[in-house]
């Protein structure tokens, strides 16, 4: 995901549940209530685990994992031909950008 915030929600519809615990990347999350709002997450991989227990000490857990990536991809273009230049790419398909078109006609052969 390309945002540093996440909201997670869950439903434990067993009336015998007496406790719920959560971890984020193995670290206890004391707030642990649905929905859980996580803000300001750094880029990286995350795993959120919810565990519920009933009065008989039986537990059940479920988890979700995701990656935060807020870094924009890098792009660099090589030198572009002068306006009106004839470009011979042989068997390659030429790539023409809107910037090229704004400079004037570009002929590809």
C-alpha atoms as a PDB file:
ATOM      1  CA  UNK A   1       0.000   0.000   0.000  1.00  0.00           C
ATOM      2  CA  UNK A   2       1.209   3.497  -0.664  1.00  0.00           C
ATOM      3  CA  UNK A   3      -0.074   5.115   2.530  1.00  0.00           C
ATOM      4  CA  UNK A   4       1.397   5.045   6.026  1.00  0.00           C
ATOM      5  CA  UNK A   5      -2.021   4.518   7.656  1.00  0.00           C
ATOM      6  CA  UNK A   6      -4.131   1.362   7.976  1.00  0.00           C
ATOM      7  CA  UNK A   7      -7.495   0.557   9.534  1.00  0.00           C
ATOM      8  CA  UNK A   8      -8.167  -3.062  10.476  1.00  0.00           C
ATOM      9  CA  UNK A   9     -11.459  -4.468  11.689  1.00  0.00           C
ATOM     10  CA  UNK A  10     -12.648  -7.870  12.830  1.00  0.00           C
ATOM     11  CA  UNK A  11     -15.688  -9.578  14.265  1.00  0.00           C
ATOM     12  CA  UNK A  12     -15.590 -12.211  16.985  1.00  0.00           C
ATOM     13  CA  UNK A  13     -19.218 -13.265  17.233  1.00  0.00           C
ATOM     14  CA  UNK A  14     -18.851 -15.924  19.947  1.00  0.00           C
ATOM     15  CA  UNK A  15     -20.605 -14.735  23.127  1.00  0.00           C
ATOM     16  CA  UNK A  16     -18.188 -16.753  25.289  1.00  0.00           C
ATOM     17  CA  UNK A  17     -15.149 -14.646  24.295  1.00  0.00           C
ATOM     18  CA  UNK A  18     -13.644 -13.053  27.377  1.00  0.00           C
ATOM     19  CA  UNK A  19     -10.432 -11.558  26.000  1.00  0.00           C
ATOM     20  CA  UNK A  20      -8.923 -10.205  22.796  1.00  0.00           C
ATOM     21  CA  UNK A  21      -5.247  -9.525  22.225  1.00  0.00           C
ATOM     22  CA  UNK A  22      -3.387  -8.099  19.255  1.00  0.00           C
ATOM     23  CA  UNK A  23       0.185  -7.916  18.029  1.00  0.00           C
ATOM     24  CA  UNK A  24       1.767  -5.850  15.276  1.00  0.00           C
ATOM     25  CA  UNK A  25       4.966  -7.487  14.032  1.00  0.00           C
ATOM     26  CA  UNK A  26       5.127  -9.529  17.241  1.00  0.00           C
ATOM     27  CA  UNK A  27       4.781  -6.542  19.575  1.00  0.00           C
ATOM     28  CA  UNK A  28       1.741  -6.391  21.877  1.00  0.00           C
ATOM     29  CA  UNK A  29      -0.805  -3.765  20.864  1.00  0.00           C
ATOM     30  CA  UNK A  30      -2.491  -2.634  24.093  1.00  0.00           C
ATOM     31  CA  UNK A  31      -5.355  -0.741  22.400  1.00  0.00           C
ATOM     32  CA  UNK A  32      -6.610  -3.853  20.536  1.00  0.00           C
ATOM     33  CA  UNK A  33     -10.179  -2.889  19.627  1.00  0.00           C
ATOM     34  CA  UNK A  34     -11.974  -3.178  16.316  1.00  0.00           C
ATOM     35  CA  UNK A  35     -11.619  -1.084  14.262  1.00  0.00           C
ATOM     36  CA  UNK A  36      -7.904  -0.610  14.919  1.00  0.00           C
ATOM     37  CA  UNK A  37      -6.387   2.510  13.339  1.00  0.00           C
ATOM     38  CA  UNK A  38      -2.649   2.451  12.739  1.00  0.00           C
ATOM     39  CA  UNK A  39      -1.066   5.720  11.652  1.00  0.00           C
ATOM     40  CA  UNK A  40       2.405   6.858  10.691  1.00  0.00           C
ATOM     41  CA  UNK A  41       3.658   3.404   9.691  1.00  0.00           C
ATOM     42  CA  UNK A  42       7.171   3.414   8.254  1.00  0.00           C
ATOM     43  CA  UNK A  43       7.863   1.712   4.931  1.00  0.00           C
ATOM     44  CA  UNK A  44       8.207  -2.026   5.448  1.00  0.00           C
ATOM     45  CA  UNK A  45       6.372  -5.310   6.003  1.00  0.00           C
ATOM     46  CA  UNK A  46       3.679  -5.676   8.665  1.00  0.00           C
ATOM     47  CA  UNK A  47       1.733  -8.551  10.209  1.00  0.00           C
ATOM     48  CA  UNK A  48      -1.220  -7.910  12.524  1.00  0.00           C
ATOM     49  CA  UNK A  49      -2.519 -10.824  14.622  1.00  0.00           C
ATOM     50  CA  UNK A  50      -5.774 -10.893  16.610  1.00  0.00           C
ATOM     51  CA  UNK A  51      -6.225 -13.642  19.207  1.00  0.00           C
ATOM     52  CA  UNK A  52      -9.444 -14.272  21.122  1.00  0.00           C
ATOM     53  CA  UNK A  53     -10.009 -16.541  24.123  1.00  0.00           C
ATOM     54  CA  UNK A  54     -13.188 -17.888  25.655  1.00  0.00           C
ATOM     55  CA  UNK A  55     -13.997 -18.811  29.251  1.00  0.00           C
ATOM     56  CA  UNK A  56     -12.682 -22.354  28.681  1.00  0.00           C
ATOM     57  CA  UNK A  57      -9.237 -20.954  27.744  1.00  0.00           C
ATOM     58  CA  UNK A  58      -9.640 -21.985  24.109  1.00  0.00           C
ATOM     59  CA  UNK A  59      -8.021 -19.531  21.727  1.00  0.00           C
ATOM     60  CA  UNK A  60      -8.339 -18.698  18.072  1.00  0.00           C
ATOM     61  CA  UNK A  61      -6.134 -16.360  16.041  1.00  0.00           C
ATOM     62  CA  UNK A  62      -6.196 -14.786  12.624  1.00  0.00           C
ATOM     63  CA  UNK A  63      -3.742 -12.489  10.890  1.00  0.00           C
ATOM     64  CA  UNK A  64      -3.229 -10.227   7.925  1.00  0.00           C
ATOM     65  CA  UNK A  65       0.019  -9.029   6.350  1.00  0.00           C
ATOM     66  CA  UNK A  66       0.836  -6.101   4.089  1.00  0.00           C
ATOM     67  CA  UNK A  67       3.682  -3.914   2.881  1.00  0.00           C
ATOM     68  CA  UNK A  68       3.842  -0.140   3.212  1.00  0.00           C
ATOM     69  CA  UNK A  69       5.740   1.490   0.343  1.00  0.00           C
ATOM     70  CA  UNK A  70       5.381   5.269   0.179  1.00  0.00           C
ATOM     71  CA  UNK A  71       8.504   5.859  -1.934  1.00  0.00           C
ATOM     72  CA  UNK A  72       7.744   7.024  -5.451  1.00  0.00           C
ATOM     73  CA  UNK A  73       9.496   5.087  -8.227  1.00  0.00           C
ATOM     74  CA  UNK A  74      12.498   6.733  -9.866  1.00  0.00           C
ATOM     75  CA  UNK A  75      12.502   7.370 -13.594  1.00  0.00           C
ATOM     76  CA  UNK A  76      15.190   8.784 -15.819  1.00  0.00           C
ATOM     77  CA  UNK A  77      15.083   9.333 -19.550  1.00  0.00           C
ATOM     78  CA  UNK A  78      18.058   9.356 -21.843  1.00  0.00           C
ATOM     79  CA  UNK A  79      18.738  12.196 -24.254  1.00  0.00           C
ATOM     80  CA  UNK A  80      15.805  12.973 -26.523  1.00  0.00           C
ATOM     81  CA  UNK A  81      16.206  13.828 -30.201  1.00  0.00           C
ATOM     82  CA  UNK A  82      16.050  17.414 -31.390  1.00  0.00           C
ATOM     83  CA  UNK A  83      12.733  18.574 -32.848  1.00  0.00           C
ATOM     84  CA  UNK A  84      12.359  17.340 -36.431  1.00  0.00           C
ATOM     85  CA  UNK A  85      15.140  14.780 -36.036  1.00  0.00           C
ATOM     86  CA  UNK A  86      14.901  11.468 -37.894  1.00  0.00           C
ATOM     87  CA  UNK A  87      15.383   8.588 -35.477  1.00  0.00           C
ATOM     88  CA  UNK A  88      16.273   5.108 -36.722  1.00  0.00           C
ATOM     89  CA  UNK A  89      15.570   2.453 -34.104  1.00  0.00           C
ATOM     90  CA  UNK A  90      15.883  -0.532 -36.439  1.00  0.00           C
ATOM     91  CA  UNK A  91      13.638  -3.291 -35.122  1.00  0.00           C
ATOM     92  CA  UNK A  92      12.957  -1.538 -31.818  1.00  0.00           C
ATOM     93  CA  UNK A  93       9.693   0.262 -31.175  1.00  0.00           C
ATOM     94  CA  UNK A  94      10.303   3.950 -30.569  1.00  0.00           C
ATOM     95  CA  UNK A  95       8.859   5.555 -27.449  1.00  0.00           C
ATOM     96  CA  UNK A  96       7.442   9.041 -27.862  1.00  0.00           C
ATOM     97  CA  UNK A  97       6.336  11.118 -24.884  1.00  0.00           C
ATOM     98  CA  UNK A  98       3.987  14.103 -24.718  1.00  0.00           C
ATOM     99  CA  UNK A  99       7.094  16.258 -24.151  1.00  0.00           C
ATOM    100  CA  UNK A 100       8.463  15.037 -27.505  1.00  0.00           C
ATOM    101  CA  UNK A 101       5.224  15.986 -29.226  1.00  0.00           C
ATOM    102  CA  UNK A 102       5.270  19.435 -27.609  1.00  0.00           C
ATOM    103  CA  UNK A 103       8.753  20.049 -29.079  1.00  0.00           C
ATOM    104  CA  UNK A 104       7.619  19.427 -32.653  1.00  0.00           C
ATOM    105  CA  UNK A 105       7.383  16.525 -35.110  1.00  0.00           C
ATOM    106  CA  UNK A 106       9.544  13.463 -34.442  1.00  0.00           C
ATOM    107  CA  UNK A 107       9.948  10.950 -37.245  1.00  0.00           C
ATOM    108  CA  UNK A 108      10.709   7.334 -36.366  1.00  0.00           C
ATOM    109  CA  UNK A 109      11.960   4.928 -39.024  1.00  0.00           C
END
